[in-house]
PDB file of N, CA and C in Angstrom:
ATOM      1  N   ASP A   1       1.652  -5.979  27.722  1.00  0.00           N
ATOM      2  CA  ASP A   1       3.080  -6.121  27.512  1.00  0.00           C
ATOM      3  C   ASP A   1       3.676  -4.921  26.704  1.00  0.00           C
ATOM      4  N   ARG A   2       4.053  -3.922  27.419  1.00  0.00           N
ATOM      5  CA  ARG A   2       4.462  -2.728  26.810  1.00  0.00           C
ATOM      6  C   ARG A   2       5.655  -2.942  25.876  1.00  0.00           C
ATOM      7  N   GLU A   3       6.504  -3.833  26.168  1.00  0.00           N
ATOM      8  CA  GLU A   3       7.761  -4.052  25.361  1.00  0.00           C
ATOM      9  C   GLU A   3       7.322  -4.642  23.977  1.00  0.00           C
ATOM     10  N   HIS A   4       6.532  -5.654  24.053  1.00  0.00           N
ATOM     11  CA  HIS A   4       5.977  -6.242  22.812  1.00  0.00           C
ATOM     12  C   HIS A   4       5.235  -5.182  21.970  1.00  0.00           C
ATOM     13  N   PHE A   5       4.363  -4.425  22.587  1.00  0.00           N
ATOM     14  CA  PHE A   5       3.651  -3.371  21.879  1.00  0.00           C
ATOM     15  C   PHE A   5       4.638  -2.305  21.212  1.00  0.00           C
ATOM     16  N   GLU A   6       5.622  -1.905  21.895  1.00  0.00           N
ATOM     17  CA  GLU A   6       6.500  -0.878  21.325  1.00  0.00           C
ATOM     18  C   GLU A   6       7.312  -1.502  20.209  1.00  0.00           C
ATOM     19  N   ARG A   7       7.767  -2.731  20.351  1.00  0.00           N
ATOM     20  CA  ARG A   7       8.529  -3.398  19.356  1.00  0.00           C
ATOM     21  C   ARG A   7       7.642  -3.495  18.069  1.00  0.00           C
ATOM     22  N   THR A   8       6.459  -3.982  18.236  1.00  0.00           N
ATOM     23  CA  THR A   8       5.525  -4.070  17.106  1.00  0.00           C
ATOM     24  C   THR A   8       5.211  -2.804  16.450  1.00  0.00           C
ATOM     25  N   ARG A   9       4.953  -1.759  17.237  1.00  0.00           N
ATOM     26  CA  ARG A   9       4.687  -0.435  16.720  1.00  0.00           C
ATOM     27  C   ARG A   9       5.822   0.059  15.938  1.00  0.00           C
ATOM     28  N   GLN A  10       7.070  -0.047  16.346  1.00  0.00           N
ATOM     29  CA  GLN A  10       8.185   0.405  15.686  1.00  0.00           C
ATOM     30  C   GLN A  10       8.441  -0.385  14.368  1.00  0.00           C
ATOM     31  N   ALA A  11       8.085  -1.659  14.407  1.00  0.00           N
ATOM     32  CA  ALA A  11       8.198  -2.457  13.144  1.00  0.00           C
ATOM     33  C   ALA A  11       7.223  -2.041  12.101  1.00  0.00           C
ATOM     34  N   ILE A  12       6.033  -1.661  12.477  1.00  0.00           N
ATOM     35  CA  ILE A  12       4.910  -1.227  11.602  1.00  0.00           C
ATOM     36  C   ILE A  12       5.329   0.156  11.017  1.00  0.00           C
ATOM     37  N   ILE A  13       5.810   1.042  11.842  1.00  0.00           N
ATOM     38  CA  ILE A  13       6.260   2.370  11.396  1.00  0.00           C
ATOM     39  C   ILE A  13       7.446   2.164  10.353  1.00  0.00           C
ATOM     40  N   ALA A  14       8.386   1.338  10.657  1.00  0.00           N
ATOM     41  CA  ALA A  14       9.523   1.125   9.691  1.00  0.00           C
ATOM     42  C   ALA A  14       9.050   0.503   8.387  1.00  0.00           C
ATOM     43  N   GLU A  15       8.069  -0.434   8.410  1.00  0.00           N
ATOM     44  CA  GLU A  15       7.557  -1.059   7.209  1.00  0.00           C
ATOM     45  C   GLU A  15       6.753  -0.038   6.435  1.00  0.00           C
ATOM     46  N   ARG A  16       5.985   0.817   7.187  1.00  0.00           N
ATOM     47  CA  ARG A  16       5.143   1.776   6.434  1.00  0.00           C
ATOM     48  C   ARG A  16       6.000   2.709   5.710  1.00  0.00           C
ATOM     49  N   GLU A  17       7.131   3.214   6.284  1.00  0.00           N
ATOM     50  CA  GLU A  17       8.024   4.127   5.641  1.00  0.00           C
ATOM     51  C   GLU A  17       8.717   3.476   4.426  1.00  0.00           C
ATOM     52  N   SER A  18       9.072   2.217   4.503  1.00  0.00           N
ATOM     53  CA  SER A  18       9.667   1.475   3.415  1.00  0.00           C
ATOM     54  C   SER A  18       8.719   1.295   2.282  1.00  0.00           C
ATOM     55  N   LEU A  19       7.465   1.015   2.693  1.00  0.00           N
ATOM     56  CA  LEU A  19       6.390   0.807   1.649  1.00  0.00           C
ATOM     57  C   LEU A  19       6.141   2.111   0.954  1.00  0.00           C
ATOM     58  N   ILE A  20       6.027   3.196   1.623  1.00  0.00           N
ATOM     59  CA  ILE A  20       5.763   4.518   1.015  1.00  0.00           C
ATOM     60  C   ILE A  20       6.901   4.839  -0.007  1.00  0.00           C
ATOM     61  N   ALA A  21       8.078   4.576   0.422  1.00  0.00           N
ATOM     62  CA  ALA A  21       9.312   4.939  -0.518  1.00  0.00           C
ATOM     63  C   ALA A  21       9.216   4.065  -1.724  1.00  0.00           C
ATOM     64  N   ALA A  22       8.922   2.753  -1.583  1.00  0.00           N
ATOM     65  CA  ALA A  22       8.895   1.850  -2.711  1.00  0.00           C
ATOM     66  C   ALA A  22       7.742   2.249  -3.685  1.00  0.00           C
ATOM     67  N   LEU A  23       6.524   2.658  -3.117  1.00  0.00           N
ATOM     68  CA  LEU A  23       5.416   3.002  -3.892  1.00  0.00           C
ATOM     69  C   LEU A  23       5.772   4.295  -4.677  1.00  0.00           C
ATOM     70  N   ARG A  24       6.395   5.263  -4.069  1.00  0.00           N
ATOM     71  CA  ARG A  24       6.727   6.507  -4.673  1.00  0.00           C
ATOM     72  C   ARG A  24       7.682   6.303  -5.882  1.00  0.00           C
ATOM     73  N   GLU A  25       8.663   5.318  -5.701  1.00  0.00           N
ATOM     74  CA  GLU A  25       9.602   4.993  -6.734  1.00  0.00           C
ATOM     75  C   GLU A  25       8.830   4.444  -7.997  1.00  0.00           C
ATOM     76  N   LEU A  26       7.655   3.804  -7.697  1.00  0.00           N
ATOM     77  CA  LEU A  26       6.851   3.329  -8.904  1.00  0.00           C
ATOM     78  C   LEU A  26       5.914   4.375  -9.441  1.00  0.00           C
ATOM     79  N   GLY A  27       6.012   5.570  -8.947  1.00  0.00           N
ATOM     80  CA  GLY A  27       5.259   6.692  -9.426  1.00  0.00           C
ATOM     81  C   GLY A  27       3.932   6.963  -8.725  1.00  0.00           C
ATOM     82  N   PHE A  28       3.699   6.325  -7.580  1.00  0.00           N
ATOM     83  CA  PHE A  28       2.547   6.556  -6.746  1.00  0.00           C
ATOM     84  C   PHE A  28       2.583   7.860  -6.016  1.00  0.00           C
ATOM     85  N   VAL A  29       1.446   8.487  -5.805  1.00  0.00           N
ATOM     86  CA  VAL A  29       1.356   9.598  -4.915  1.00  0.00           C
ATOM     87  C   VAL A  29       0.738   8.999  -3.554  1.00  0.00           C
ATOM     88  N   VAL A  30       1.425   9.248  -2.509  1.00  0.00           N
ATOM     89  CA  VAL A  30       1.006   8.604  -1.174  1.00  0.00           C
ATOM     90  C   VAL A  30       0.695   9.725  -0.248  1.00  0.00           C
ATOM     91  N   LEU A  31      -0.450   9.679   0.363  1.00  0.00           N
ATOM     92  CA  LEU A  31      -0.797  10.642   1.384  1.00  0.00           C
ATOM     93  C   LEU A  31      -0.149  10.405   2.638  1.00  0.00           C
ATOM     94  N   PRO A  32       0.173  11.462   3.479  1.00  0.00           N
ATOM     95  CA  PRO A  32       0.807  11.251   4.753  1.00  0.00           C
ATOM     96  C   PRO A  32       0.009  10.329   5.655  1.00  0.00           C
ATOM     97  N   SER A  33       0.626   9.502   6.350  1.00  0.00           N
ATOM     98  CA  SER A  33      -0.041   8.524   7.300  1.00  0.00           C
ATOM     99  C   SER A  33       0.669   8.370   8.581  1.00  0.00           C
ATOM    100  N   ALA A  34      -0.097   8.227   9.606  1.00  0.00           N
ATOM    101  CA  ALA A  34       0.450   7.909  10.975  1.00  0.00           C
ATOM    102  C   ALA A  34      -0.324   6.568  11.449  1.00  0.00           C
ATOM    103  N   ALA A  35      -0.847   5.882  10.544  1.00  0.00           N
ATOM    104  CA  ALA A  35      -1.623   4.673  10.814  1.00  0.00           C
ATOM    105  C   ALA A  35      -0.958   3.344  10.337  1.00  0.00           C
ATOM    106  N   ASN A  36      -1.691   2.263  10.445  1.00  0.00           N
ATOM    107  CA  ASN A  36      -1.159   1.001   9.921  1.00  0.00           C
ATOM    108  C   ASN A  36      -1.621   0.781   8.517  1.00  0.00           C
ATOM    109  N   PHE A  37      -2.017   1.867   7.847  1.00  0.00           N
ATOM    110  CA  PHE A  37      -2.371   1.749   6.394  1.00  0.00           C
ATOM    111  C   PHE A  37      -2.004   3.032   5.720  1.00  0.00           C
ATOM    112  N   ILE A  38      -1.972   3.016   4.433  1.00  0.00           N
ATOM    113  CA  ILE A  38      -1.770   4.195   3.584  1.00  0.00           C
ATOM    114  C   ILE A  38      -2.787   4.346   2.521  1.00  0.00           C
ATOM    115  N   PHE A  39      -2.919   5.587   2.015  1.00  0.00           N
ATOM    116  CA  PHE A  39      -3.699   5.781   0.801  1.00  0.00           C
ATOM    117  C   PHE A  39      -2.778   6.202  -0.268  1.00  0.00           C
ATOM    118  N   ALA A  40      -2.852   5.580  -1.412  1.00  0.00           N
ATOM    119  CA  ALA A  40      -2.010   5.792  -2.534  1.00  0.00           C
ATOM    120  C   ALA A  40      -2.751   5.759  -3.809  1.00  0.00           C
ATOM    121  N   ARG A  41      -2.278   6.536  -4.793  1.00  0.00           N
ATOM    122  CA  ARG A  41      -2.878   6.553  -6.155  1.00  0.00           C
ATOM    123  C   ARG A  41      -1.768   6.690  -7.088  1.00  0.00           C
ATOM    124  N   HIS A  42      -2.038   6.093  -8.320  1.00  0.00           N
ATOM    125  CA  HIS A  42      -1.080   6.205  -9.443  1.00  0.00           C
ATOM    126  C   HIS A  42      -1.707   7.094 -10.409  1.00  0.00           C
ATOM    127  N   PRO A  43      -0.990   8.229 -10.740  1.00  0.00           N
ATOM    128  CA  PRO A  43      -1.664   9.255 -11.649  1.00  0.00           C
ATOM    129  C   PRO A  43      -1.949   8.692 -13.083  1.00  0.00           C
ATOM    130  N   GLY A  44      -1.278   7.621 -13.431  1.00  0.00           N
ATOM    131  CA  GLY A  44      -1.602   7.127 -14.788  1.00  0.00           C
ATOM    132  C   GLY A  44      -2.457   5.910 -14.865  1.00  0.00           C
ATOM    133  N   ARG A  45      -2.906   5.413 -13.748  1.00  0.00           N
ATOM    134  CA  ARG A  45      -3.692   4.177 -13.707  1.00  0.00           C
ATOM    135  C   ARG A  45      -4.918   4.296 -12.895  1.00  0.00           C
ATOM    136  N   ASP A  46      -5.994   3.641 -13.268  1.00  0.00           N
ATOM    137  CA  ASP A  46      -7.268   3.626 -12.565  1.00  0.00           C
ATOM    138  C   ASP A  46      -7.141   2.806 -11.358  1.00  0.00           C
ATOM    139  N   ALA A  47      -7.653   3.339 -10.162  1.00  0.00           N
ATOM    140  CA  ALA A  47      -7.475   2.596  -8.948  1.00  0.00           C
ATOM    141  C   ALA A  47      -8.277   1.248  -8.922  1.00  0.00           C
ATOM    142  N   ALA A  48      -9.458   1.282  -9.552  1.00  0.00           N
ATOM    143  CA  ALA A  48     -10.345   0.067  -9.482  1.00  0.00           C
ATOM    144  C   ALA A  48      -9.604  -1.052 -10.324  1.00  0.00           C
ATOM    145  N   ALA A  49      -8.991  -0.622 -11.428  1.00  0.00           N
ATOM    146  CA  ALA A  49      -8.264  -1.566 -12.294  1.00  0.00           C
ATOM    147  C   ALA A  49      -7.011  -2.129 -11.585  1.00  0.00           C
ATOM    148  N   LEU A  50      -6.343  -1.318 -10.883  1.00  0.00           N
ATOM    149  CA  LEU A  50      -5.169  -1.719 -10.085  1.00  0.00           C
ATOM    150  C   LEU A  50      -5.583  -2.732  -9.047  1.00  0.00           C
ATOM    151  N   ALA A  51      -6.681  -2.439  -8.269  1.00  0.00           N
ATOM    152  CA  ALA A  51      -7.102  -3.318  -7.225  1.00  0.00           C
ATOM    153  C   ALA A  51      -7.526  -4.686  -7.877  1.00  0.00           C
ATOM    154  N   ALA A  52      -8.179  -4.630  -9.012  1.00  0.00           N
ATOM    155  CA  ALA A  52      -8.595  -5.891  -9.607  1.00  0.00           C
ATOM    156  C   ALA A  52      -7.383  -6.707 -10.115  1.00  0.00           C
ATOM    157  N   ALA A  53      -6.376  -6.027 -10.625  1.00  0.00           N
ATOM    158  CA  ALA A  53      -5.149  -6.806 -11.032  1.00  0.00           C
ATOM    159  C   ALA A  53      -4.440  -7.351  -9.823  1.00  0.00           C
ATOM    160  N   LEU A  54      -4.411  -6.740  -8.713  1.00  0.00           N
ATOM    161  CA  LEU A  54      -3.832  -7.228  -7.505  1.00  0.00           C
ATOM    162  C   LEU A  54      -4.611  -8.457  -7.068  1.00  0.00           C
ATOM    163  N   ARG A  55      -5.955  -8.349  -7.091  1.00  0.00           N
ATOM    164  CA  ARG A  55      -6.758  -9.338  -6.614  1.00  0.00           C
ATOM    165  C   ARG A  55      -6.550 -10.682  -7.444  1.00  0.00           C
ATOM    166  N   GLU A  56      -6.322 -10.468  -8.747  1.00  0.00           N
ATOM    167  CA  GLU A  56      -5.918 -11.668  -9.598  1.00  0.00           C
ATOM    168  C   GLU A  56      -4.691 -12.381  -9.128  1.00  0.00           C
ATOM    169  N   ARG A  57      -3.823 -11.597  -8.426  1.00  0.00           N
ATOM    170  CA  ARG A  57      -2.529 -12.119  -7.852  1.00  0.00           C
ATOM    171  C   ARG A  57      -2.690 -12.479  -6.395  1.00  0.00           C
ATOM    172  N   SER A  58      -3.925 -12.637  -5.950  1.00  0.00           N
ATOM    173  CA  SER A  58      -4.251 -12.911  -4.522  1.00  0.00           C
ATOM    174  C   SER A  58      -3.750 -11.905  -3.512  1.00  0.00           C
ATOM    175  N   ILE A  59      -3.713 -10.622  -3.986  1.00  0.00           N
ATOM    176  CA  ILE A  59      -3.338  -9.490  -3.033  1.00  0.00           C
ATOM    177  C   ILE A  59      -4.599  -8.617  -2.885  1.00  0.00           C
ATOM    178  N   ILE A  60      -4.979  -8.490  -1.730  1.00  0.00           N
ATOM    179  CA  ILE A  60      -6.185  -7.676  -1.507  1.00  0.00           C
ATOM    180  C   ILE A  60      -5.845  -6.280  -0.936  1.00  0.00           C
ATOM    181  N   VAL A  61      -6.419  -5.238  -1.567  1.00  0.00           N
ATOM    182  CA  VAL A  61      -6.289  -3.845  -1.044  1.00  0.00           C
ATOM    183  C   VAL A  61      -7.706  -3.315  -1.162  1.00  0.00           C
ATOM    184  N   ARG A  62      -7.964  -2.306  -0.389  1.00  0.00           N
ATOM    185  CA  ARG A  62      -9.319  -1.775  -0.473  1.00  0.00           C
ATOM    186  C   ARG A  62      -9.433  -0.573  -1.492  1.00  0.00           C
ATOM    187  N   HIS A  63     -10.563  -0.581  -2.153  1.00  0.00           N
ATOM    188  CA  HIS A  63     -10.876   0.476  -3.146  1.00  0.00           C
ATOM    189  C   HIS A  63     -12.255   0.911  -2.892  1.00  0.00           C
ATOM    190  N   PHE A  64     -12.394   2.262  -2.678  1.00  0.00           N
ATOM    191  CA  PHE A  64     -13.753   2.747  -2.314  1.00  0.00           C
ATOM    192  C   PHE A  64     -14.213   3.604  -3.510  1.00  0.00           C
ATOM    193  N   HIS A  65     -15.480   3.339  -3.898  1.00  0.00           N
ATOM    194  CA  HIS A  65     -16.188   4.119  -4.977  1.00  0.00           C
ATOM    195  C   HIS A  65     -16.858   5.318  -4.271  1.00  0.00           C
ATOM    196  N   GLN A  66     -16.014   6.195  -3.699  1.00  0.00           N
ATOM    197  CA  GLN A  66     -16.494   7.389  -3.019  1.00  0.00           C
ATOM    198  C   GLN A  66     -15.856   8.587  -3.654  1.00  0.00           C
ATOM    199  N   PRO A  67     -16.602   9.715  -3.597  1.00  0.00           N
ATOM    200  CA  PRO A  67     -15.968  11.023  -4.125  1.00  0.00           C
ATOM    201  C   PRO A  67     -14.675  11.271  -3.342  1.00  0.00           C
ATOM    202  N   ARG A  68     -13.795  11.908  -3.940  1.00  0.00           N
ATOM    203  CA  ARG A  68     -12.486  12.435  -3.439  1.00  0.00           C
ATOM    204  C   ARG A  68     -11.426  11.262  -3.197  1.00  0.00           C
ATOM    205  N   ILE A  69     -11.873  10.037  -2.992  1.00  0.00           N
ATOM    206  CA  ILE A  69     -10.961   8.949  -2.754  1.00  0.00           C
ATOM    207  C   ILE A  69     -11.154   7.802  -3.812  1.00  0.00           C
ATOM    208  N   GLU A  70     -11.959   7.976  -4.792  1.00  0.00           N
ATOM    209  CA  GLU A  70     -12.149   6.876  -5.772  1.00  0.00           C
ATOM    210  C   GLU A  70     -10.950   6.467  -6.630  1.00  0.00           C
ATOM    211  N   GLN A  71      -9.930   7.298  -6.618  1.00  0.00           N
ATOM    212  CA  GLN A  71      -8.672   6.869  -7.364  1.00  0.00           C
ATOM    213  C   GLN A  71      -7.534   6.489  -6.389  1.00  0.00           C
ATOM    214  N   PHE A  72      -7.940   6.334  -5.109  1.00  0.00           N
ATOM    215  CA  PHE A  72      -6.915   5.853  -4.145  1.00  0.00           C
ATOM    216  C   PHE A  72      -7.173   4.456  -3.714  1.00  0.00           C
ATOM    217  N   LEU A  73      -6.087   3.750  -3.336  1.00  0.00           N
ATOM    218  CA  LEU A  73      -6.134   2.488  -2.804  1.00  0.00           C
ATOM    219  C   LEU A  73      -5.784   2.623  -1.289  1.00  0.00           C
ATOM    220  N   ARG A  74      -6.490   1.845  -0.463  1.00  0.00           N
ATOM    221  CA  ARG A  74      -6.188   1.799   0.959  1.00  0.00           C
ATOM    222  C   ARG A  74      -5.332   0.484   1.115  1.00  0.00           C
ATOM    223  N   ILE A  75      -4.129   0.690   1.478  1.00  0.00           N
ATOM    224  CA  ILE A  75      -3.198  -0.467   1.562  1.00  0.00           C
ATOM    225  C   ILE A  75      -2.717  -0.623   2.983  1.00  0.00           C
ATOM    226  N   THR A  76      -3.013  -1.774   3.543  1.00  0.00           N
ATOM    227  CA  THR A  76      -2.514  -2.062   4.907  1.00  0.00           C
ATOM    228  C   THR A  76      -1.141  -2.416   4.919  1.00  0.00           C
ATOM    229  N   VAL A  77      -0.422  -1.873   5.937  1.00  0.00           N
ATOM    230  CA  VAL A  77       1.022  -2.164   5.954  1.00  0.00           C
ATOM    231  C   VAL A  77       1.135  -3.624   6.520  1.00  0.00           C
ATOM    232  N   GLY A  78       1.920  -4.446   5.653  1.00  0.00           N
ATOM    233  CA  GLY A  78       2.126  -5.823   6.014  1.00  0.00           C
ATOM    234  C   GLY A  78       3.492  -6.054   6.632  1.00  0.00           C
ATOM    235  N   ASP A  79       3.855  -7.381   6.661  1.00  0.00           N
ATOM    236  CA  ASP A  79       5.275  -7.625   7.070  1.00  0.00           C
ATOM    237  C   ASP A  79       6.193  -7.507   5.887  1.00  0.00           C
ATOM    238  N   PRO A  80       7.439  -7.565   6.121  1.00  0.00           N
ATOM    239  CA  PRO A  80       8.346  -7.410   4.997  1.00  0.00           C
ATOM    240  C   PRO A  80       8.028  -8.245   3.702  1.00  0.00           C
ATOM    241  N   ALA A  81       7.772  -9.520   3.862  1.00  0.00           N
ATOM    242  CA  ALA A  81       7.444 -10.379   2.828  1.00  0.00           C
ATOM    243  C   ALA A  81       6.186  -9.958   2.049  1.00  0.00           C
ATOM    244  N   GLN A  82       5.187  -9.599   2.795  1.00  0.00           N
ATOM    245  CA  GLN A  82       3.908  -9.123   2.181  1.00  0.00           C
ATOM    246  C   GLN A  82       4.084  -7.842   1.421  1.00  0.00           C
ATOM    247  N   ASN A  83       4.828  -6.904   1.953  1.00  0.00           N
ATOM    248  CA  ASN A  83       5.118  -5.678   1.319  1.00  0.00           C
ATOM    249  C   ASN A  83       5.922  -5.850   0.044  1.00  0.00           C
ATOM    250  N   ALA A  84       6.947  -6.769   0.138  1.00  0.00           N
ATOM    251  CA  ALA A  84       7.711  -7.060  -1.099  1.00  0.00           C
ATOM    252  C   ALA A  84       6.839  -7.756  -2.224  1.00  0.00           C
ATOM    253  N   ALA A  85       5.895  -8.575  -1.797  1.00  0.00           N
ATOM    254  CA  ALA A  85       5.061  -9.214  -2.823  1.00  0.00           C
ATOM    255  C   ALA A  85       4.199  -8.191  -3.411  1.00  0.00           C
ATOM    256  N   LEU A  86       3.639  -7.196  -2.674  1.00  0.00           N
ATOM    257  CA  LEU A  86       2.821  -6.117  -3.220  1.00  0.00           C
ATOM    258  C   LEU A  86       3.604  -5.206  -4.166  1.00  0.00           C
ATOM    259  N   ILE A  87       4.817  -4.860  -3.839  1.00  0.00           N
ATOM    260  CA  ILE A  87       5.663  -4.036  -4.722  1.00  0.00           C
ATOM    261  C   ILE A  87       6.003  -4.774  -5.989  1.00  0.00           C
ATOM    262  N   ALA A  88       6.343  -6.107  -5.833  1.00  0.00           N
ATOM    263  CA  ALA A  88       6.661  -6.921  -7.071  1.00  0.00           C
ATOM    264  C   ALA A  88       5.483  -6.979  -7.938  1.00  0.00           C
ATOM    265  N   ALA A  89       4.251  -7.174  -7.351  1.00  0.00           N
ATOM    266  CA  ALA A  89       3.071  -7.222  -8.164  1.00  0.00           C
ATOM    267  C   ALA A  89       2.762  -5.934  -8.932  1.00  0.00           C
ATOM    268  N   PHE A  90       2.935  -4.853  -8.191  1.00  0.00           N
ATOM    269  CA  PHE A  90       2.773  -3.553  -8.865  1.00  0.00           C
ATOM    270  C   PHE A  90       3.758  -3.316  -9.945  1.00  0.00           C
ATOM    271  N   GLY A  91       5.049  -3.804  -9.723  1.00  0.00           N
ATOM    272  CA  GLY A  91       5.986  -3.724 -10.836  1.00  0.00           C
ATOM    273  C   GLY A  91       5.609  -4.417 -12.020  1.00  0.00           C
ATOM    274  N   GLN A  92       5.071  -5.556 -11.913  1.00  0.00           N
ATOM    275  CA  GLN A  92       4.484  -6.392 -13.074  1.00  0.00           C
ATOM    276  C   GLN A  92       3.310  -5.664 -13.701  1.00  0.00           C
ATOM    277  N   ILE A  93       2.474  -5.191 -12.880  1.00  0.00           N
ATOM    278  CA  ILE A  93       1.142  -4.586 -13.408  1.00  0.00           C
ATOM    279  C   ILE A  93       1.474  -3.267 -14.158  1.00  0.00           C
ATOM    280  N   LEU A  94       2.454  -2.524 -13.680  1.00  0.00           N
ATOM    281  CA  LEU A  94       2.746  -1.220 -14.286  1.00  0.00           C
ATOM    282  C   LEU A  94       3.687  -1.347 -15.434  1.00  0.00           C
ATOM    283  N   ALA A  95       4.331  -2.471 -15.648  1.00  0.00           N
ATOM    284  CA  ALA A  95       5.291  -2.653 -16.699  1.00  0.00           C
ATOM    285  C   ALA A  95       4.592  -2.615 -18.058  1.00  0.00           C
TER     286      ALA A  95
END
């Protein structure tokens, strides 16, 4: 179903761009992405601690203990409600 695929693809792209903008407003550095996920880091916060704080709020992001990406979070692009919940949680955590 090409129509459904294209509609879904456009929705993910739009949500990804909105999520990137919101994260940047919170001070995150976000790497360029053409996927359904992004890599983001906050220069003033430890990525493992951020992932743990999100997990306490029932929000799961990936954190890898690997060289070069250990301070990044891998965040899957969600639907508008999921992305809003993530941004709200980050707002609380960073306050």
